[in-house]
Amino acid sequence: MKRRDFSLGAAVALAVAQLPLSAQAQVIGTLKMMIPANPGGGWDQTGRALATAMQSAKSVQNVQFENKGGAAGTIGLAQFINSAKGDPNAVMMGGMVMVGGIVLNRSPVNLAMVTPLARLTSEYLVVVVPAKSPYKTLAELLAAFRADPGKISWHGGSAGGSDHILAGLIARAAGVDPTKVNYVAAKGGGDAVANIVGGHVTVGISGLGEFAEHIKGGRMRALAVSAPTAQDGIPSLKQLGFEAVLGNWRGIFGAPGISTAQRDALIAALRAGVESAAWKETLAKFGWESVFLAGDAFKTFVEEDTQRITGIMARLGLTK
């Protein structure tokens, strides 16, 4: 199935220089992974699956996890910057959600303060309602939204993240002021599922992989996906007449102050993991696209995506 086309795609990835043999041969004893979110969400899923893949590829022996949620990952980011400086075996999950959170919250810490290692995955977002919702289609939901925007509660990840941005894009495409979106941020992936399935919110947004089992199990009703075309039988927003296409990327970062050789050793270990059968099985299970991009090319991508997301949020009136 067709996924989001990144501006720095396969052509840039092919241009990344081969890592030195010394980096390729190194096996990491214990990898310390900061997941700047509560358990159950996309970063948690991705980080733990990646760790399993790296261990199956024997590029890492052990992995220690720390979950530190809050403020679109910027609380965990601040802790990582302060505690992991110069540590060649410390890594942190991150992605587009963190980029938006940094912009929205005018965070004193940002991704320029850590070491970009690799972009890993991309997935489209799905718009769902509880199974017992009176809204059977996106058209019905948006009719109610236009009539009384504040009455419709939109539930997703951290404020400023990809879920929040998509809610704003849908609002604008539907002719509603994006600043009128009643956005309720979840504390974590498990919290979001409970709130949606329990009917405590009107509509939920998250990565398709995070909600797939609940959609298939009949606990949620999928109304649309943020892809250019239908995904898993779910119509795309674009097909339904709304120009709102958005892919959510996730990546991994090293500690501040590590050397180029230490960075390359981490990238080699990551590359071994993403080339493993275990990782390929994870991609298929969650419907993620592999968009591996490493080192300097990933650094450039993060810089450009920060500018892109800043512009989108400004146009939607989501910046403070």
Protein backbone atom coordinates (compact mmCIF):
# COMPACT_ATOMS: atom_id res chain seq x y z
CA MET A 1 0.00 0.00 0.00
CA LYS A 2 1.19 3.48 -0.81
CA ARG A 3 2.50 5.51 2.11
CA ARG A 4 3.71 9.05 2.66
CA ASP A 5 6.44 10.24 0.31
CA PHE A 6 9.09 12.07 2.35
CA SER A 7 11.00 14.93 0.76
CA LEU A 8 14.24 13.28 1.77
CA GLY A 9 13.35 9.78 0.69
CA ALA A 10 15.12 6.84 -0.84
CA ALA A 11 17.46 8.93 -2.94
CA VAL A 12 18.92 10.61 0.13
CA ALA A 13 19.05 7.34 2.05
CA LEU A 14 21.14 5.78 -0.72
CA ALA A 15 23.56 8.68 -0.47
CA VAL A 16 24.40 7.98 3.17
CA ALA A 17 28.02 6.80 3.33
CA GLN A 18 28.79 3.26 4.41
CA LEU A 19 29.78 3.03 8.05
CA PRO A 20 33.35 1.99 8.89
CA LEU A 21 33.96 -1.71 9.56
CA SER A 22 34.93 -0.94 13.15
CA ALA A 23 31.47 0.48 13.78
CA GLN A 24 29.77 -2.40 11.98
CA ALA A 25 31.58 -5.00 14.09
CA GLN A 26 30.84 -3.48 17.50
CA VAL A 27 28.20 -5.14 19.69
CA ILE A 28 26.57 -2.98 22.35
CA GLY A 29 26.46 -4.59 25.79
CA THR A 30 23.64 -2.63 27.43
CA LEU A 31 21.59 -0.07 25.55
CA LYS A 32 19.75 2.49 27.71
CA MET A 33 16.56 3.59 25.97
CA MET A 34 14.56 6.62 27.04
CA ILE A 35 10.94 6.44 25.88
CA PRO A 36 9.58 9.96 26.53
CA ALA A 37 5.99 8.78 26.84
CA ASN A 38 3.84 6.58 29.03
CA PRO A 39 3.55 2.85 28.22
CA GLY A 40 1.21 1.70 25.48
CA GLY A 41 1.63 4.42 22.86
CA GLY A 42 3.45 4.58 19.54
CA TRP A 43 6.91 5.46 20.86
CA ASP A 44 6.65 2.72 23.46
CA GLN A 45 5.58 0.16 20.85
CA THR A 46 8.31 1.24 18.46
CA GLY A 47 11.10 1.37 21.04
CA ARG A 48 10.38 -2.01 22.57
CA ALA A 49 9.92 -3.67 19.17
CA LEU A 50 13.18 -2.13 17.97
CA ALA A 51 15.00 -3.40 21.05
CA THR A 52 13.71 -6.92 20.40
CA ALA A 53 14.84 -6.70 16.78
CA MET A 54 18.32 -5.50 17.74
CA GLN A 55 18.67 -8.31 20.25
CA SER A 56 17.53 -10.85 17.66
CA ALA A 57 20.17 -9.45 15.30
CA LYS A 58 22.74 -9.74 18.13
CA SER A 59 23.79 -6.11 17.73
CA VAL A 60 22.70 -5.45 21.33
CA GLN A 61 22.88 -7.79 24.30
CA ASN A 62 20.58 -6.07 26.81
CA VAL A 63 18.22 -3.09 26.80
CA GLN A 64 17.14 -1.00 29.78
CA PHE A 65 13.96 1.06 29.33
CA GLU A 66 12.79 4.22 31.04
CA ASN A 67 9.37 5.73 30.33
CA LYS A 68 9.04 9.44 31.10
CA GLY A 69 5.87 10.93 29.64
CA GLY A 70 4.52 14.46 29.46
CA ALA A 71 4.39 17.56 27.25
CA ALA A 72 4.73 15.73 23.92
CA GLY A 73 7.93 14.07 25.07
CA THR A 74 9.74 17.25 26.05
CA ILE A 75 9.93 16.25 29.73
CA GLY A 76 11.73 13.06 28.77
CA LEU A 77 13.84 15.01 26.28
CA ALA A 78 14.99 17.43 28.99
CA GLN A 79 15.90 14.56 31.32
CA PHE A 80 17.76 12.78 28.52
CA ILE A 81 19.76 15.89 27.66
CA ASN A 82 20.73 16.45 31.28
CA SER A 83 21.48 12.87 32.31
CA ALA A 84 22.85 11.14 29.21
CA LYS A 85 25.39 13.67 27.92
CA GLY A 86 28.37 11.89 26.40
CA ASP A 87 26.93 8.39 27.00
CA PRO A 88 27.59 6.31 23.84
CA ASN A 89 25.03 3.67 24.84
CA ALA A 90 22.08 5.97 25.57
CA VAL A 91 19.28 6.52 23.04
CA MET A 92 15.87 8.20 23.01
CA MET A 93 12.76 7.63 20.92
CA GLY A 94 11.13 10.63 19.29
CA GLY A 95 9.39 11.86 16.20
CA MET A 96 6.93 14.25 14.63
CA VAL A 97 4.85 14.48 17.80
CA MET A 98 7.85 15.83 19.69
CA VAL A 99 8.58 18.36 16.93
CA GLY A 100 5.04 19.74 17.26
CA GLY A 101 5.17 19.73 21.05
CA ILE A 102 8.42 21.69 21.06
CA VAL A 103 6.88 24.32 18.79
CA LEU A 104 3.56 24.53 20.67
CA ASN A 105 5.10 24.72 24.14
CA ARG A 106 8.02 26.96 23.15
CA SER A 107 10.17 24.34 24.82
CA PRO A 108 13.59 25.40 26.15
CA VAL A 109 14.92 22.04 24.91
CA ASN A 110 14.78 20.81 21.34
CA LEU A 111 16.06 18.11 19.01
CA ALA A 112 19.09 20.17 18.01
CA MET A 113 20.46 19.38 21.49
CA VAL A 114 20.66 15.61 20.89
CA THR A 115 22.32 13.45 18.24
CA PRO A 116 20.06 12.33 15.36
CA LEU A 117 20.62 8.63 14.65
CA ALA A 118 17.89 7.34 12.36
CA ARG A 119 14.35 7.82 11.13
CA LEU A 120 12.61 4.47 11.50
CA THR A 121 8.94 4.33 10.57
CA SER A 122 6.03 6.26 9.17
CA GLU A 123 2.32 5.58 9.49
CA TYR A 124 -0.91 7.31 8.65
CA LEU A 125 -3.44 8.31 11.26
CA VAL A 126 -6.97 7.01 11.68
CA VAL A 127 -10.05 8.91 12.83
CA VAL A 128 -12.33 6.75 14.99
CA VAL A 129 -15.43 7.00 17.14
CA PRO A 130 -16.68 4.62 19.86
CA ALA A 131 -18.63 1.64 18.55
CA LYS A 132 -21.83 3.03 20.10
CA SER A 133 -21.35 6.51 18.64
CA PRO A 134 -24.35 7.99 16.81
CA TYR A 135 -21.97 9.09 14.04
CA LYS A 136 -21.74 6.40 11.39
CA THR A 137 -19.75 8.39 8.84
CA LEU A 138 -17.29 11.27 8.76
CA ALA A 139 -19.96 13.42 7.07
CA GLU A 140 -22.30 12.93 10.04
CA LEU A 141 -19.55 13.75 12.52
CA LEU A 142 -18.51 16.90 10.68
CA ALA A 143 -22.10 18.09 10.35
CA ALA A 144 -22.36 18.05 14.14
CA PHE A 145 -18.92 19.64 14.40
CA ARG A 146 -19.92 22.55 12.15
CA ALA A 147 -23.13 23.06 14.11
CA ASP A 148 -21.39 23.22 17.50
CA PRO A 149 -17.57 22.82 17.40
CA GLY A 150 -17.14 22.86 21.18
CA LYS A 151 -19.54 19.95 21.65
CA ILE A 152 -17.26 17.57 19.72
CA SER A 153 -14.24 16.46 21.76
CA TRP A 154 -11.22 15.32 19.73
CA HIS A 155 -8.95 12.90 21.63
CA GLY A 156 -5.37 12.08 20.72
CA GLY A 157 -1.77 12.32 21.82
CA SER A 158 0.03 15.33 23.23
CA ALA A 159 -1.10 18.83 22.30
CA GLY A 160 0.81 20.02 19.25
CA GLY A 161 1.48 16.49 18.04
CA SER A 162 0.41 14.82 14.81
CA ASP A 163 -3.06 13.91 16.15
CA HIS A 164 -3.73 17.52 17.17
CA ILE A 165 -2.42 18.80 13.85
CA LEU A 166 -4.70 16.42 11.92
CA ALA A 167 -7.73 17.56 13.93
CA GLY A 168 -6.83 21.13 12.93
CA LEU A 169 -6.39 20.18 9.27
CA ILE A 170 -9.79 18.45 9.25
CA ALA A 171 -11.40 21.47 10.87
CA ARG A 172 -9.95 23.85 8.32
CA ALA A 173 -10.95 21.55 5.43
CA ALA A 174 -14.48 21.34 6.90
CA GLY A 175 -14.77 25.13 7.13
CA VAL A 176 -14.40 25.38 10.91
CA ASP A 177 -11.87 27.63 12.65
CA PRO A 178 -9.09 25.22 13.81
CA THR A 179 -8.73 27.18 17.04
CA LYS A 180 -12.29 26.08 17.92
CA VAL A 181 -11.24 22.39 18.08
CA ASN A 182 -11.98 21.00 21.56
CA TYR A 183 -8.81 18.92 21.78
CA VAL A 184 -8.33 16.59 24.75
CA ALA A 185 -4.80 15.18 25.08
CA ALA A 186 -4.43 11.62 26.37
CA LYS A 187 -1.95 10.65 29.06
CA GLY A 188 -0.82 7.64 27.05
CA GLY A 189 -1.88 5.02 24.51
CA GLY A 190 -3.81 2.94 27.05
CA ASP A 191 -5.57 6.02 28.38
CA ALA A 192 -6.66 7.02 24.87
CA VAL A 193 -8.12 3.60 24.12
CA ALA A 194 -10.05 3.52 27.42
CA ASN A 195 -11.49 7.00 26.85
CA ILE A 196 -12.58 6.26 23.29
CA VAL A 197 -13.98 2.77 23.88
CA GLY A 198 -15.71 4.02 27.03
CA GLY A 199 -17.40 6.84 25.12
CA HIS A 200 -15.83 9.56 27.26
CA VAL A 201 -14.80 11.49 24.13
CA THR A 202 -16.52 12.02 20.78
CA VAL A 203 -13.73 11.15 18.36
CA GLY A 204 -10.20 9.76 18.59
CA ILE A 205 -7.13 10.10 16.40
CA SER A 206 -4.00 7.95 16.47
CA GLY A 207 -1.75 5.82 14.31
CA LEU A 208 -3.65 3.09 12.51
CA GLY A 209 -1.42 0.45 14.11
CA GLU A 210 -2.35 1.58 17.63
CA PHE A 211 -6.10 1.25 17.03
CA ALA A 212 -6.15 -1.62 14.51
CA GLU A 213 -7.06 -4.40 16.97
CA HIS A 214 -9.84 -2.30 18.51
CA ILE A 215 -11.27 -1.49 15.07
CA LYS A 216 -11.16 -5.15 14.03
CA GLY A 217 -12.63 -6.19 17.38
CA GLY A 218 -15.60 -3.86 16.90
CA ARG A 219 -14.84 -1.59 19.85
CA MET A 220 -14.12 1.40 17.61
CA ARG A 221 -15.58 2.51 14.29
CA ALA A 222 -13.03 3.88 11.80
CA LEU A 223 -14.28 6.84 9.77
CA ALA A 224 -11.22 7.87 7.77
CA VAL A 225 -7.44 7.66 7.45
CA SER A 226 -4.97 10.46 6.69
CA ALA A 227 -3.49 8.60 3.71
CA PRO A 228 -3.92 9.61 0.05
CA THR A 229 -5.95 6.43 -0.57
CA ALA A 230 -7.96 3.90 1.45
CA GLN A 231 -6.13 1.77 4.03
CA ASP A 232 -7.43 -1.59 5.27
CA GLY A 233 -10.83 -0.80 3.80
CA ILE A 234 -11.02 2.59 5.56
CA PRO A 235 -11.64 5.56 3.23
CA SER A 236 -9.08 8.33 3.13
CA LEU A 237 -9.88 11.90 4.04
CA LYS A 238 -8.80 12.88 0.53
CA GLN A 239 -11.25 10.42 -1.03
CA LEU A 240 -13.98 11.89 1.14
CA GLY A 241 -13.25 15.38 -0.22
CA PHE A 242 -10.94 16.77 2.45
CA GLU A 243 -7.39 17.83 1.54
CA ALA A 244 -5.78 16.48 4.69
CA VAL A 245 -2.93 14.00 4.12
CA LEU A 246 -0.55 13.50 7.03
CA GLY A 247 2.04 10.85 7.87
CA ASN A 248 3.57 10.48 11.34
CA TRP A 249 7.26 9.55 11.49
CA ARG A 250 9.19 8.08 14.43
CA GLY A 251 12.93 8.02 14.95
CA ILE A 252 15.70 7.53 17.45
CA PHE A 253 18.33 9.89 18.85
CA GLY A 254 21.65 9.53 20.66
CA ALA A 255 22.93 11.49 23.61
CA PRO A 256 24.41 14.99 23.34
CA GLY A 257 28.16 15.17 22.99
CA ILE A 258 28.96 11.73 21.58
CA SER A 259 31.63 11.41 18.90
CA THR A 260 30.99 10.65 15.24
CA ALA A 261 32.49 7.18 15.73
CA GLN A 262 30.16 6.52 18.67
CA ARG A 263 27.20 7.76 16.63
CA ASP A 264 28.15 5.47 13.76
CA ALA A 265 28.43 2.47 16.08
CA LEU A 266 24.88 3.09 17.27
CA ILE A 267 23.65 3.47 13.70
CA ALA A 268 25.30 0.18 12.74
CA ALA A 269 23.53 -1.58 15.61
CA LEU A 270 20.22 0.01 14.58
CA ARG A 271 20.73 -0.93 10.95
CA ALA A 272 21.27 -4.57 11.93
CA GLY A 273 18.02 -4.46 13.89
CA VAL A 274 15.88 -2.97 11.12
CA GLU A 275 17.23 -5.49 8.63
CA SER A 276 16.18 -8.41 10.85
CA ALA A 277 13.20 -10.69 10.28
CA ALA A 278 11.84 -9.66 13.70
CA TRP A 279 11.61 -6.02 12.63
CA LYS A 280 9.98 -6.88 9.32
CA GLU A 281 7.35 -8.86 11.23
CA THR A 282 6.72 -5.82 13.45
CA LEU A 283 6.25 -3.54 10.43
CA ALA A 284 3.69 -5.93 8.98
CA LYS A 285 1.88 -6.35 12.31
CA PHE A 286 1.36 -2.63 12.91
CA GLY A 287 1.14 -1.48 9.30
CA TRP A 288 4.22 0.70 9.61
CA GLU A 289 6.32 1.74 6.64
CA SER A 290 10.10 1.47 6.94
CA VAL A 291 11.62 4.86 6.09
CA PHE A 292 15.12 4.30 7.45
CA LEU A 293 17.30 7.36 7.09
CA ALA A 294 20.48 7.69 9.12
CA GLY A 295 23.13 10.11 10.31
CA ASP A 296 23.57 13.50 8.64
CA ALA A 297 20.69 12.89 6.21
CA PHE A 298 18.33 12.31 9.16
CA LYS A 299 19.68 15.42 10.87
CA THR A 300 18.81 17.47 7.78
CA PHE A 301 15.35 15.86 7.63
CA VAL A 302 14.64 16.80 11.27
CA GLU A 303 15.68 20.40 10.64
CA GLU A 304 13.46 20.66 7.55
CA ASP A 305 10.51 18.91 9.19
CA THR A 306 10.72 21.29 12.14
CA GLN A 307 10.31 24.20 9.72
CA ARG A 308 7.41 22.42 7.95
CA ILE A 309 5.52 21.62 11.17
CA THR A 310 6.11 25.15 12.50
CA GLY A 311 4.52 26.53 9.35
CA ILE A 312 1.52 24.20 9.50
CA MET A 313 0.84 25.00 13.15
CA ALA A 314 1.10 28.72 12.49
CA ARG A 315 -1.43 28.48 9.64
CA LEU A 316 -3.79 26.52 11.89
CA GLY A 317 -3.45 29.05 14.69
CA LEU A 318 -2.09 26.41 17.07
CA THR A 319 1.04 28.24 18.15
CA LYS A 320 1.11 30.40 21.26
